[in-house]
Protein backbone atom coordinates (compact mmCIF):
# COMPACT_ATOMS: atom_id res chain seq x y z
CA MET A 1 -5.44 16.00 26.38
CA GLU A 2 -3.08 15.03 23.77
CA THR A 3 -4.48 12.90 20.63
CA PRO A 4 -2.96 10.00 20.39
CA GLN A 5 -0.61 9.41 17.04
CA THR A 6 -1.16 6.51 15.04
CA PRO A 7 1.54 4.14 15.08
CA LEU A 8 1.99 5.02 10.75
CA ALA A 9 2.04 8.82 12.69
CA GLN A 10 4.91 6.82 15.17
CA ALA A 11 6.78 5.65 11.95
CA LEU A 12 6.53 8.56 10.10
CA TRP A 13 8.50 10.46 12.96
CA PHE A 14 10.99 7.91 13.50
CA PHE A 15 11.95 7.59 9.36
CA GLU A 16 11.88 11.59 9.70
CA SER A 17 14.49 12.06 12.18
CA HIS A 18 16.22 9.24 11.27
CA LEU A 19 16.25 10.17 7.42
CA PHE A 20 19.98 9.39 6.54
CA GLU A 21 20.51 6.71 8.83
CA PRO A 22 20.41 2.84 7.46
CA PRO A 23 16.60 1.61 7.02
CA ALA A 24 15.62 0.03 10.66
CA LEU A 25 12.21 -1.44 9.67
CA ASP A 26 11.89 -3.89 12.42
CA GLU A 27 12.95 -1.14 14.97
CA ALA A 28 10.31 1.46 13.81
CA ALA A 29 7.49 -1.32 13.54
CA ARG A 30 8.84 -2.81 17.20
CA LEU A 31 8.26 1.10 18.42
CA CYS A 32 4.90 1.21 16.67
CA GLY A 33 3.87 -1.74 18.41
CA LEU A 34 3.63 -3.66 14.82
CA SER A 35 4.82 -6.65 13.11
CA ARG A 36 7.63 -5.37 10.15
CA PHE A 37 5.02 -7.02 7.74
CA GLN A 38 1.87 -5.06 9.04
CA LEU A 39 4.02 -2.22 9.17
CA ILE A 40 4.84 -2.39 5.54
CA ARG A 41 1.30 -3.44 4.78
CA ARG A 42 -0.60 -0.27 6.73
CA PHE A 43 2.09 2.55 5.30
CA ALA A 44 1.73 1.26 1.67
CA LEU A 45 -1.96 1.33 1.78
CA ALA A 46 -1.72 4.56 3.20
CA THR A 47 0.38 6.31 1.06
CA GLY A 48 1.05 4.23 -2.17
CA MET A 49 4.56 3.16 -1.30
CA THR A 50 6.52 1.38 1.17
CA PRO A 51 8.88 2.97 4.23
CA GLY A 52 11.84 1.78 1.64
CA ALA A 53 10.64 3.85 -1.39
CA TYR A 54 9.33 6.69 0.98
CA LEU A 55 13.16 7.21 2.52
CA ARG A 56 14.79 6.71 -0.94
CA ARG A 57 12.59 9.51 -2.23
CA ARG A 58 12.92 11.42 0.69
CA ARG A 59 16.88 11.27 0.85
CA LEU A 60 17.13 11.73 -3.06
CA SER A 61 14.93 15.01 -2.44
CA GLU A 62 17.31 16.20 0.21
CA ALA A 63 20.17 15.62 -2.43
CA ALA A 64 18.34 17.43 -4.92
CA ARG A 65 17.98 20.74 -2.70
CA LEU A 66 22.06 20.47 -1.50
CA VAL A 67 22.92 20.67 -4.81
CA ALA A 68 20.43 22.65 -6.03
CA GLY A 69 21.09 25.15 -3.22
CA GLY A 70 25.24 25.03 -4.52
CA ALA A 71 27.03 22.19 -2.71
CA ASP A 72 30.07 21.74 -5.22
CA ASN A 73 31.02 18.68 -3.24
CA LEU A 74 28.71 15.75 -4.52
CA LEU A 75 30.85 13.12 -2.48
CA HIS A 76 30.37 15.43 0.72
CA VAL A 77 26.32 15.07 -0.81
CA ALA A 78 26.26 11.52 -0.82
CA LEU A 79 27.46 10.77 2.69
CA ALA A 80 25.26 13.35 4.02
CA THR A 81 21.95 11.90 2.91
CA GLY A 82 22.63 8.22 3.33
CA TYR A 83 24.95 7.07 0.14
CA GLY A 84 28.32 5.71 0.19
CA SER A 85 29.94 6.96 -2.76
CA HIS A 86 29.03 9.40 -5.58
CA GLU A 87 28.45 6.98 -7.76
CA ALA A 88 25.84 5.79 -5.61
CA LEU A 89 24.19 8.87 -5.52
CA THR A 90 24.49 9.35 -9.07
CA ARG A 91 22.52 5.76 -10.06
CA ALA A 92 19.95 6.73 -7.29
CA PHE A 93 19.74 9.90 -8.61
CA ARG A 94 19.06 9.37 -12.34
CA ASP A 95 16.93 6.61 -11.50
CA GLN A 96 14.40 8.91 -9.27
CA PHE A 97 14.40 12.23 -11.18
CA GLY A 98 16.13 11.13 -14.82
CA HIS A 99 18.90 13.23 -13.88
CA THR A 100 22.22 13.66 -12.88
CA PRO A 101 23.21 15.62 -9.94
CA GLU A 102 25.56 17.04 -11.93
CA ALA A 103 23.10 18.47 -14.09
CA LEU A 104 21.17 19.69 -11.64
CA ARG A 105 23.70 21.76 -10.66
CA ASN A 106 24.31 22.90 -13.63
CA ARG A 107 21.04 23.90 -13.84
CA PRO A 108 19.44 24.17 -10.29
CA GLU A 109 15.83 24.28 -11.29
CA LEU A 110 14.07 22.12 -8.75
CA ALA A 111 10.50 22.96 -10.24
CA ARG A 112 11.49 19.92 -13.17
CA LEU A 113 12.04 17.24 -10.39
CA ASP A 114 9.01 15.37 -8.57
CA LEU A 115 10.38 15.61 -5.39
CA GLN A 116 8.93 14.33 -1.93
CA GLU A 117 7.70 16.40 0.89
CA ALA A 118 7.63 14.74 4.23
CA LEU A 119 4.33 13.46 4.87
CA ALA A 120 1.92 14.58 7.09
CA MET A 121 -0.18 11.35 8.72
CA THR A 122 -2.27 12.66 11.68
CA SER A 123 -5.13 11.60 13.67
CA ALA A 124 -7.43 13.05 11.77
CA LYS A 125 -9.58 11.51 9.24
CA THR A 126 -11.11 12.51 6.09
CA VAL A 127 -13.52 9.70 5.53
CA THR A 128 -16.09 8.57 8.44
CA LEU A 129 -16.55 4.84 7.90
CA ASP A 130 -19.75 3.04 9.94
CA PRO A 131 -18.50 0.55 12.17
CA PRO A 132 -17.55 -2.79 10.70
CA ARG A 133 -19.07 -5.92 11.66
CA ILE A 134 -16.80 -8.60 13.06
CA GLU A 135 -17.35 -12.08 11.05
CA THR A 136 -15.74 -15.21 11.82
CA ARG A 137 -15.57 -16.91 8.13
CA ARG A 138 -14.87 -20.20 6.83
CA ALA A 139 -11.43 -20.60 4.80
CA PHE A 140 -12.37 -20.47 0.96
CA SER A 141 -9.81 -19.78 -2.23
CA VAL A 142 -10.41 -17.40 -4.79
CA ALA A 143 -9.56 -18.27 -8.57
CA GLY A 144 -9.21 -15.52 -10.96
CA HIS A 145 -6.45 -12.91 -12.56
CA ASN A 146 -3.10 -12.00 -10.26
CA ALA A 147 -0.80 -9.22 -11.02
CA SER A 148 2.36 -8.20 -9.35
CA TYR A 149 2.60 -4.39 -8.54
CA ASP A 150 5.07 -1.93 -7.26
CA PHE A 151 3.49 0.55 -5.00
CA ALA A 152 3.92 3.23 -8.26
CA SER A 153 2.01 1.35 -10.28
CA MET A 154 -1.73 0.66 -8.53
CA ALA A 155 -3.37 2.52 -11.41
CA GLY A 156 -2.99 -0.82 -13.57
CA ILE A 157 -5.67 -2.53 -10.99
CA PRO A 158 -8.99 -0.95 -12.71
CA GLN A 159 -7.53 -2.27 -16.45
CA GLN A 160 -6.79 -5.91 -14.57
CA TRP A 161 -10.63 -6.31 -13.96
CA MET A 162 -11.36 -5.24 -17.00
CA GLY A 163 -9.17 -7.62 -18.26
CA PHE A 164 -11.17 -10.35 -16.12
CA LEU A 165 -14.65 -9.01 -15.98
CA PRO A 166 -15.49 -10.40 -20.09
CA HIS A 167 -14.34 -14.23 -18.66
CA LEU A 168 -17.30 -13.89 -15.55
CA GLY A 169 -19.26 -15.42 -17.62
CA ASP A 170 -16.60 -18.89 -18.11
CA PHE A 171 -16.44 -19.26 -14.41
CA THR A 172 -18.94 -21.59 -13.60
CA GLY A 173 -17.00 -22.98 -10.47
CA HIS A 174 -17.74 -20.13 -8.27
CA ASP A 175 -19.40 -19.93 -5.00
CA GLY A 176 -21.94 -17.16 -4.53
CA GLU A 177 -22.50 -13.55 -5.87
CA GLY A 178 -20.09 -10.89 -6.30
CA SER A 179 -16.17 -10.94 -6.83
CA TYR A 180 -13.19 -10.40 -4.70
CA GLY A 181 -9.79 -8.20 -5.01
CA VAL A 182 -6.95 -9.76 -2.97
CA CYS A 183 -3.95 -8.41 -1.65
CA HIS A 184 -1.27 -10.61 -1.03
CA SER A 185 2.22 -12.13 -1.39
CA MET A 186 3.13 -8.19 0.20
CA GLY A 187 6.50 -7.44 0.14
CA GLU A 188 8.72 -4.27 0.85
CA GLU A 189 8.48 -3.27 -2.46
CA GLY A 190 5.04 -4.46 -3.76
CA PHE A 191 2.32 -7.08 -3.79
CA ASP A 192 0.30 -9.25 -5.59
CA TYR A 193 -3.41 -8.55 -6.74
CA LEU A 194 -5.49 -11.24 -7.80
CA CYS A 195 -9.07 -10.14 -9.15
CA GLY A 196 -11.65 -13.74 -9.49
CA LEU A 197 -14.45 -14.86 -8.03
CA ALA A 198 -14.81 -17.57 -4.40
CA LEU A 199 -14.53 -21.11 -5.14
CA ARG A 200 -16.73 -23.72 -4.42
CA PRO A 201 -15.42 -26.38 -1.45
CA GLY A 202 -13.66 -28.90 -3.60
CA GLU A 203 -14.27 -27.16 -7.38
CA GLU A 204 -10.87 -27.28 -9.54
CA VAL A 205 -9.22 -23.82 -10.57
CA PRO A 206 -10.34 -23.09 -14.00
CA ARG A 207 -7.42 -23.54 -16.50
CA GLY A 208 -5.36 -20.01 -16.99
CA LEU A 209 -6.85 -18.65 -13.42
CA SER A 210 -4.34 -18.46 -10.51
CA THR A 211 -6.01 -19.16 -7.10
CA VAL A 212 -5.50 -17.66 -3.37
CA THR A 213 -6.92 -19.63 -0.53
CA LEU A 214 -7.94 -17.00 2.55
CA PRO A 215 -7.55 -19.10 6.03
CA ALA A 216 -10.11 -19.39 8.43
CA GLY A 217 -10.14 -16.60 11.07
CA ARG A 218 -12.38 -13.08 12.18
CA TYR A 219 -12.76 -10.11 9.58
CA ALA A 220 -13.74 -6.76 10.26
CA ILE A 221 -15.79 -5.69 7.64
CA PHE A 222 -16.46 -2.20 6.45
CA THR A 223 -18.35 -0.54 3.77
CA HIS A 224 -16.92 1.68 1.24
CA ARG A 225 -19.59 4.02 0.29
CA GLY A 226 -18.87 6.11 -3.07
CA HIS A 227 -17.08 6.24 -6.10
CA ILE A 228 -14.33 3.28 -6.42
CA SER A 229 -11.76 5.79 -7.26
CA GLY A 230 -11.65 6.58 -3.29
CA ILE A 231 -11.51 3.25 -1.95
CA ARG A 232 -7.63 3.75 -0.56
CA ALA A 233 -9.33 6.43 1.78
CA SER A 234 -11.70 4.19 3.34
CA TRP A 235 -8.74 1.43 3.97
CA ALA A 236 -6.96 4.60 5.46
CA ALA A 237 -9.22 5.07 7.87
CA ALA A 238 -10.24 1.87 8.81
CA MET A 239 -6.53 0.88 9.46
CA GLU A 240 -5.95 4.15 11.05
CA GLY A 241 -9.33 5.21 12.52
CA TRP A 242 -10.52 2.19 13.84
CA LEU A 243 -8.26 -0.45 13.75
CA PRO A 244 -5.56 1.18 17.35
CA GLN A 245 -9.25 2.03 18.88
CA SER A 246 -10.68 -0.89 18.54
CA GLY A 247 -8.66 -3.28 20.88
CA GLU A 248 -7.99 -5.67 17.73
CA THR A 249 -4.82 -6.64 16.04
CA MET A 250 -4.60 -7.22 12.08
CA ALA A 251 -3.36 -10.69 11.35
CA ASP A 252 -0.52 -11.05 8.81
CA GLY A 253 -3.05 -12.80 6.19
CA PRO A 254 -4.18 -11.17 3.03
CA ALA A 255 -6.72 -8.50 2.78
CA LEU A 256 -9.61 -7.81 0.29
CA GLU A 257 -11.93 -6.01 -1.29
CA TYR A 258 -15.58 -7.87 -1.82
CA TYR A 259 -17.39 -6.56 -4.83
CA GLY A 260 -21.07 -6.86 -4.28
CA PRO A 261 -23.43 -7.95 -7.25
CA ASP A 262 -24.75 -4.78 -7.36
CA PHE A 263 -21.81 -2.96 -8.26
CA ASP A 264 -21.00 -1.76 -11.52
CA GLY A 265 -17.84 -1.95 -12.83
CA ARG A 266 -18.06 0.24 -16.25
CA THR A 267 -19.41 3.39 -13.45
CA GLY A 268 -17.14 2.58 -10.12
CA HIS A 269 -20.39 2.64 -8.63
CA GLY A 270 -22.47 0.44 -5.63
CA GLN A 271 -21.32 -1.88 -2.78
CA VAL A 272 -17.87 -2.62 -1.80
CA GLU A 273 -16.59 -4.17 1.95
CA ILE A 274 -13.12 -3.83 2.85
CA TRP A 275 -12.65 -7.28 5.10
CA ILE A 276 -9.20 -6.94 7.06
CA PRO A 277 -8.36 -10.33 8.70
CA LEU A 278 -7.95 -9.87 12.50
CA LYS A 279 -6.31 -12.31 15.48
CA GLY A 280 -7.99 -14.15 17.73
């Protein structure tokens, strides 16, 4: 019996088979049974980049192979890889690789470029998670430090937490123990991440802090085990392993991580929960 492919595996097949055509995220999302927003979020959490960033990197990598392989007409390379002009290809090429196509043609060494190979996203999972608990939560707000990221700069999140931790003792209006990391305002190029504490109902937002309100609703709550550095693999296993088989649909609200009171931010060990918002 053929193993069913995950929505992201289907999306990757679509992207690779339409690599040099204008981006068609709406069509890819429809074929995968997702909304555009859900496709962007799930792709980014699983791969570290948005579909748009992946397509740009893939097209430019293929353009680099053509140039290094001896193509002498850069306009033909541009048109073949989805760029409308020599100038458009040159700008994108320089932004991505730090070199012009002409420089690569004069010194055709691909090893010095950070090429994007085609991703292989199969149904196999490298992380096994315990089944989640499903909880209905009341609406609540999280107040703390907010920062914007593109999907290449996610490594800055630990530094964001380190900047927030010294202020925990000044936060008198929090509700319950533990802290939250909230992924919100996700777009095609990046997202906002807020690290903070839950506010007690009716409490004022402390001066200098940002706030995100989580709507009332249902959540699938998973426990990530192991060091915090591996949490992206747990996110991928939850959303590409459990979710497609569960009969549930992810809601278009913020997703979050809950760091329990035993989590040690200095060592990266302790209990962390992944909260996936569900429809219905």
